[in-house]
């Protein structure tokens, strides 16, 4: 496999605490390949500021015994005993929503794989570039926003994170500004709400505001103007770091 994996990177991935936003399974009876894939996918997650938790399985049987729910499953086609295709068929009886990516040295079973609605095929030897392209395609198609539940007064509201333009601190509360120019006063602090939203396109620009990169219309050294017409002040202490983060995000999004 044409992947460069640094020993200390593996240790970092093992030690770093991650919030669960997306759970991924890698199922392959090649232990070395499985761990290399895990490292590369975590490296991708770090660069994009995604939150992944990856579980390793070395047989179709062990994957099927797990009671965890996975968003993405990377599944080797040729394994001892239960092969990848039969494993996928059993997985589909439980859920039709998780994404299955086959790992294979063979391509002749591609038409059978349509029956389990496979998302992609990674043909061995697998390069890091191919893994990145696969995940880029996934996020381009499905995005990485999701609904969250927040309490406002006596009501519990379901808000899709893609509708949030920015968060505003309000003492022990948080004001959530939405794309339709409406705002919601949430009974949680901004720090608490920030733990619920995607990390890759929400960014803190001062003590009072966390903004969504996707709604920026323009900015200068004093403020950021959003596509819905609202604007916020940006702290000079945060300005340089903000420019770097926004540039990196924009470049990654263009590549996707």
Protein backbone atom coordinates (compact mmCIF):
# COMPACT_ATOMS: atom_id res chain seq x y z
CA UNK A 1 0.00 0.00 0.00
CA UNK A 2 1.44 3.37 -1.02
CA UNK A 3 0.82 5.20 2.26
CA UNK A 4 3.32 6.95 4.49
CA UNK A 5 2.41 6.41 8.14
CA UNK A 6 4.48 8.00 10.86
CA UNK A 7 4.75 6.14 14.18
CA UNK A 8 4.18 9.28 16.26
CA UNK A 9 1.14 10.22 14.18
CA UNK A 10 -0.40 6.89 15.17
CA UNK A 11 0.32 7.63 18.83
CA UNK A 12 -1.25 11.07 18.49
CA UNK A 13 -4.43 9.59 17.03
CA UNK A 14 -4.61 7.09 19.89
CA UNK A 15 -4.19 9.79 22.55
CA UNK A 16 -6.35 12.58 21.14
CA UNK A 17 -9.85 12.73 22.62
CA UNK A 18 -12.51 13.12 19.94
CA UNK A 19 -16.18 13.98 20.07
CA UNK A 20 -18.26 11.52 18.08
CA UNK A 21 -19.74 13.20 15.01
CA UNK A 22 -19.12 10.42 12.51
CA UNK A 23 -18.43 6.77 13.23
CA UNK A 24 -16.50 4.78 10.63
CA UNK A 25 -15.80 1.04 10.40
CA UNK A 26 -12.85 -0.50 8.55
CA UNK A 27 -13.32 -4.24 7.99
CA UNK A 28 -10.39 -6.07 6.38
CA UNK A 29 -8.49 -9.20 7.44
CA UNK A 30 -5.21 -7.46 6.56
CA UNK A 31 -4.28 -5.89 9.91
CA UNK A 32 -1.48 -3.73 8.50
CA UNK A 33 -3.69 -2.30 5.76
CA UNK A 34 -6.53 -1.64 8.20
CA UNK A 35 -4.30 0.36 10.55
CA UNK A 36 -2.73 2.31 7.69
CA UNK A 37 -6.18 3.22 6.41
CA UNK A 38 -7.21 4.30 9.90
CA UNK A 39 -4.21 6.60 10.23
CA UNK A 40 -4.71 8.20 6.83
CA UNK A 41 -8.42 8.81 7.45
CA UNK A 42 -7.66 10.41 10.82
CA UNK A 43 -5.07 12.59 9.11
CA UNK A 44 -7.75 13.69 6.64
CA UNK A 45 -10.11 14.41 9.56
CA UNK A 46 -7.51 16.54 11.33
CA UNK A 47 -6.87 18.66 8.25
CA UNK A 48 -10.59 19.26 7.67
CA UNK A 49 -11.36 19.59 11.40
CA UNK A 50 -13.88 16.73 11.18
CA UNK A 51 -14.67 14.52 14.16
CA UNK A 52 -14.27 10.84 13.27
CA UNK A 53 -14.21 7.76 15.48
CA UNK A 54 -12.90 4.72 13.62
CA UNK A 55 -13.40 1.10 14.67
CA UNK A 56 -11.34 -1.81 13.29
CA UNK A 57 -12.75 -5.24 12.37
CA UNK A 58 -10.87 -8.16 10.84
CA UNK A 59 -13.79 -10.29 9.64
CA UNK A 60 -17.31 -9.84 8.39
CA UNK A 61 -18.58 -11.86 11.34
CA UNK A 62 -17.04 -9.51 13.91
CA UNK A 63 -18.48 -6.46 12.15
CA UNK A 64 -21.96 -8.01 12.12
CA UNK A 65 -21.69 -8.78 15.85
CA UNK A 66 -21.09 -5.10 16.67
CA UNK A 67 -24.08 -3.17 17.96
CA UNK A 68 -22.55 0.15 16.90
CA UNK A 69 -24.14 2.22 14.13
CA UNK A 70 -21.70 3.38 11.45
CA UNK A 71 -22.03 6.25 9.01
CA UNK A 72 -19.35 4.86 6.66
CA UNK A 73 -18.12 1.28 6.32
CA UNK A 74 -14.94 0.42 4.39
CA UNK A 75 -15.32 -3.26 3.60
CA UNK A 76 -12.86 -5.70 2.03
CA UNK A 77 -14.48 -7.87 -0.62
CA UNK A 78 -12.32 -10.98 -0.21
CA UNK A 79 -12.10 -12.19 3.41
CA UNK A 80 -11.96 -15.64 4.98
CA UNK A 81 -15.32 -17.28 5.68
CA UNK A 82 -17.87 -14.50 5.14
CA UNK A 83 -16.87 -12.31 2.21
CA UNK A 84 -17.50 -8.58 1.93
CA UNK A 85 -20.47 -8.80 -0.39
CA UNK A 86 -22.37 -11.24 1.84
CA UNK A 87 -21.48 -9.10 4.85
CA UNK A 88 -22.86 -6.03 3.07
CA UNK A 89 -26.11 -7.85 2.24
CA UNK A 90 -26.65 -8.61 5.92
CA UNK A 91 -25.78 -5.02 6.87
CA UNK A 92 -28.39 -3.76 4.43
CA UNK A 93 -31.11 -5.75 6.18
CA UNK A 94 -30.40 -3.60 9.24
CA UNK A 95 -29.87 -0.20 7.61
CA UNK A 96 -30.08 1.37 4.17
CA UNK A 97 -28.54 4.69 5.20
CA UNK A 98 -24.91 3.87 5.99
CA UNK A 99 -22.37 4.31 3.19
CA UNK A 100 -20.47 1.21 2.05
CA UNK A 101 -17.08 1.57 0.36
CA UNK A 102 -15.62 -1.69 -0.95
CA UNK A 103 -11.90 -2.43 -0.77
CA UNK A 104 -10.95 -4.94 -3.44
CA UNK A 105 -8.34 -6.39 -5.75
CA UNK A 106 -11.15 -7.59 -8.02
CA UNK A 107 -13.64 -5.71 -10.18
CA UNK A 108 -15.73 -8.55 -11.59
CA UNK A 109 -18.29 -8.38 -8.76
CA UNK A 110 -19.14 -4.72 -9.40
CA UNK A 111 -22.64 -5.47 -10.74
CA UNK A 112 -23.48 -7.62 -7.71
CA UNK A 113 -22.34 -4.78 -5.48
CA UNK A 114 -25.01 -2.52 -6.96
CA UNK A 115 -27.53 -4.63 -5.05
CA UNK A 116 -26.16 -3.28 -1.77
CA UNK A 117 -25.89 0.28 -3.07
CA UNK A 118 -22.11 0.61 -2.68
CA UNK A 119 -20.85 4.19 -2.73
CA UNK A 120 -17.31 3.59 -4.08
CA UNK A 121 -14.71 0.91 -4.87
CA UNK A 122 -11.13 1.33 -3.70
CA UNK A 123 -8.96 -0.96 -5.82
CA UNK A 124 -5.75 -2.23 -4.22
CA UNK A 125 -3.05 -1.00 -3.94
CA UNK A 126 -4.79 1.99 -2.34
CA UNK A 127 -3.14 5.39 -2.38
CA UNK A 128 -3.71 8.17 0.12
CA UNK A 129 -4.82 10.37 -2.78
CA UNK A 130 -7.61 7.91 -3.60
CA UNK A 131 -8.83 7.84 -0.01
CA UNK A 132 -8.93 11.63 0.11
CA UNK A 133 -10.83 11.82 -3.17
CA UNK A 134 -13.38 9.31 -1.87
CA UNK A 135 -14.05 11.29 1.30
CA UNK A 136 -14.10 14.56 -0.65
CA UNK A 137 -16.76 13.06 -2.92
CA UNK A 138 -18.76 11.89 0.10
CA UNK A 139 -18.81 15.32 1.73
CA UNK A 140 -19.49 17.06 -1.59
CA UNK A 141 -22.54 14.84 -2.00
CA UNK A 142 -23.86 14.65 1.56
CA UNK A 143 -22.25 17.64 3.29
CA UNK A 144 -21.26 17.55 6.93
CA UNK A 145 -24.06 19.55 8.55
CA UNK A 146 -26.72 17.92 10.67
CA UNK A 147 -29.70 18.76 12.93
CA UNK A 148 -29.13 19.60 16.60
CA UNK A 149 -31.61 19.95 19.45
CA UNK A 150 -31.55 23.14 21.52
CA UNK A 151 -33.79 24.45 24.27
CA UNK A 152 -35.23 27.96 23.94
CA UNK A 153 -37.54 29.08 26.72
CA UNK A 154 -39.93 26.13 27.16
CA UNK A 155 -39.50 24.81 23.65
CA UNK A 156 -36.98 22.29 22.30
CA UNK A 157 -36.00 23.28 18.78
CA UNK A 158 -34.44 21.21 16.01
CA UNK A 159 -32.01 23.38 14.04
CA UNK A 160 -29.93 22.27 11.05
CA UNK A 161 -26.37 23.53 11.49
CA UNK A 162 -26.27 24.61 7.82
CA UNK A 163 -28.84 27.30 8.69
CA UNK A 164 -26.64 28.86 11.40
CA UNK A 165 -24.79 32.00 10.27
CA UNK A 166 -23.12 32.78 13.59
CA UNK A 167 -23.34 32.29 17.35
CA UNK A 168 -23.31 35.19 19.78
CA UNK A 169 -22.44 34.88 23.47
CA UNK A 170 -25.01 36.32 25.87
CA UNK A 171 -23.75 35.69 29.39
CA UNK A 172 -25.00 32.19 30.30
CA UNK A 173 -27.00 32.00 27.10
CA UNK A 174 -26.27 31.94 23.38
CA UNK A 175 -28.02 33.79 20.57
CA UNK A 176 -28.15 31.77 17.35
CA UNK A 177 -28.41 33.88 14.20
CA UNK A 178 -29.99 32.05 11.25
CA UNK A 179 -29.80 32.50 7.49
CA UNK A 180 -33.38 33.86 7.37
CA UNK A 181 -32.26 36.71 9.69
CA UNK A 182 -34.19 35.26 12.60
CA UNK A 183 -32.42 34.69 15.91
CA UNK A 184 -32.98 32.23 18.74
CA UNK A 185 -31.93 32.72 22.36
CA UNK A 186 -30.71 29.36 23.56
CA UNK A 187 -30.54 28.26 27.21
CA UNK A 188 -26.90 27.16 26.82
CA UNK A 189 -23.62 29.04 26.74
CA UNK A 190 -21.86 29.66 23.44
CA UNK A 191 -19.07 27.34 24.58
CA UNK A 192 -21.59 24.52 25.08
CA UNK A 193 -23.31 25.07 21.72
CA UNK A 194 -19.93 25.20 19.96
CA UNK A 195 -19.34 21.58 20.98
CA UNK A 196 -22.48 20.53 19.09
CA UNK A 197 -21.67 22.05 15.70
CA UNK A 198 -19.23 21.00 12.93
CA UNK A 199 -15.69 22.12 13.63
CA UNK A 200 -14.44 22.55 10.08
CA UNK A 201 -16.52 25.56 8.99
CA UNK A 202 -17.42 27.24 12.30
CA UNK A 203 -14.70 29.50 13.69
CA UNK A 204 -14.30 31.76 16.75
CA UNK A 205 -13.38 35.35 15.80
CA UNK A 206 -13.51 36.89 19.29
CA UNK A 207 -14.86 36.07 22.73
CA UNK A 208 -18.44 36.81 21.72
CA UNK A 209 -18.82 35.32 18.22
CA UNK A 210 -18.39 32.02 16.37
CA UNK A 211 -19.06 32.38 12.65
CA UNK A 212 -19.91 30.03 9.76
CA UNK A 213 -17.35 30.33 6.94
CA UNK A 214 -20.02 29.37 4.39
CA UNK A 215 -21.96 32.62 4.91
CA UNK A 216 -19.09 35.10 4.58
CA UNK A 217 -19.74 37.66 1.83
CA UNK A 218 -16.65 39.76 2.54
CA UNK A 219 -14.46 40.96 5.40
CA UNK A 220 -11.93 43.63 6.33
CA UNK A 221 -9.72 44.28 9.33
CA UNK A 222 -12.69 45.39 11.45
CA UNK A 223 -15.71 43.30 10.55
CA UNK A 224 -17.18 40.36 8.66
CA UNK A 225 -20.25 40.82 6.46
CA UNK A 226 -22.51 37.82 5.89
CA UNK A 227 -24.65 36.94 2.88
CA UNK A 228 -27.84 37.58 4.89
CA UNK A 229 -26.80 41.20 5.49
CA UNK A 230 -25.72 40.87 9.12
CA UNK A 231 -22.19 41.72 10.24
CA UNK A 232 -19.97 41.21 13.30
CA UNK A 233 -16.78 42.76 14.64
CA UNK A 234 -13.58 40.74 14.40
CA UNK A 235 -10.96 41.10 17.13
CA UNK A 236 -7.47 42.17 16.01
CA UNK A 237 -6.04 39.41 18.19
CA UNK A 238 -7.95 36.83 16.13
CA UNK A 239 -7.59 38.44 12.70
CA UNK A 240 -4.41 36.75 11.44
CA UNK A 241 -5.47 33.28 12.60
CA UNK A 242 -8.92 33.83 11.06
CA UNK A 243 -7.42 34.74 7.66
CA UNK A 244 -5.29 31.60 7.64
CA UNK A 245 -8.16 29.33 8.72
CA UNK A 246 -10.59 30.83 6.19
CA UNK A 247 -8.04 30.57 3.37
CA UNK A 248 -7.30 26.92 4.22
CA UNK A 249 -11.00 26.08 4.38
CA UNK A 250 -11.70 27.81 1.06
CA UNK A 251 -8.85 25.94 -0.65
CA UNK A 252 -10.00 22.59 0.72
CA UNK A 253 -13.56 23.26 -0.38
CA UNK A 254 -12.44 24.17 -3.91
CA UNK A 255 -10.48 20.92 -4.14
CA UNK A 256 -13.60 19.03 -3.04
